[in-house]
Amino acid sequence: MSAPKELYRKTVWEKLREVAKPDSRFHFDFSHFIP
């Protein structure tokens, strides 16, 4: 049951990486971003 969640999460992260900009306050921690 966790497989679909992980697939969705991976898909969302891949799309976020295309548009997310790292915030220097987080030292390029891509789990925190400014849209």
Protein backbone atom coordinates (compact mmCIF):
# COMPACT_ATOMS: atom_id res chain seq x y z
CA MET A 1 0.00 0.00 0.00
CA SER A 2 2.93 2.37 0.53
CA ALA A 3 4.22 1.88 -3.03
CA PRO A 4 1.70 4.26 -4.68
CA LYS A 5 2.44 6.94 -2.06
CA GLU A 6 6.16 6.64 -2.74
CA LEU A 7 5.54 6.83 -6.48
CA TYR A 8 3.45 9.99 -6.08
CA ARG A 9 6.03 11.51 -3.76
CA LYS A 10 8.83 10.79 -6.23
CA THR A 11 6.82 12.29 -9.08
CA VAL A 12 6.03 15.43 -7.09
CA TRP A 13 9.67 15.87 -6.01
CA GLU A 14 10.85 15.54 -9.61
CA LYS A 15 8.42 18.25 -10.71
CA LEU A 16 9.33 20.47 -7.76
CA ARG A 17 13.03 20.23 -8.58
CA GLU A 18 12.32 21.77 -11.97
CA VAL A 19 10.76 24.91 -10.47
CA ALA A 20 11.90 25.12 -6.85
CA LYS A 21 14.62 27.59 -5.97
CA PRO A 22 16.93 26.82 -3.08
CA ASP A 23 16.81 29.27 -0.21
CA SER A 24 20.26 30.07 1.14
CA ARG A 25 18.83 30.14 4.66
CA PHE A 26 18.45 26.37 4.35
CA HIS A 27 21.90 25.83 2.82
CA PHE A 28 20.52 24.30 -0.36
CA ASP A 29 18.29 21.87 1.51
CA PHE A 30 15.79 21.07 -1.22
CA SER A 31 13.25 19.81 1.29
CA HIS A 32 12.66 23.53 2.00
CA PHE A 33 11.94 25.76 -0.94
CA ILE A 34 10.34 29.04 -1.95
CA PRO A 35 7.82 28.59 -4.79
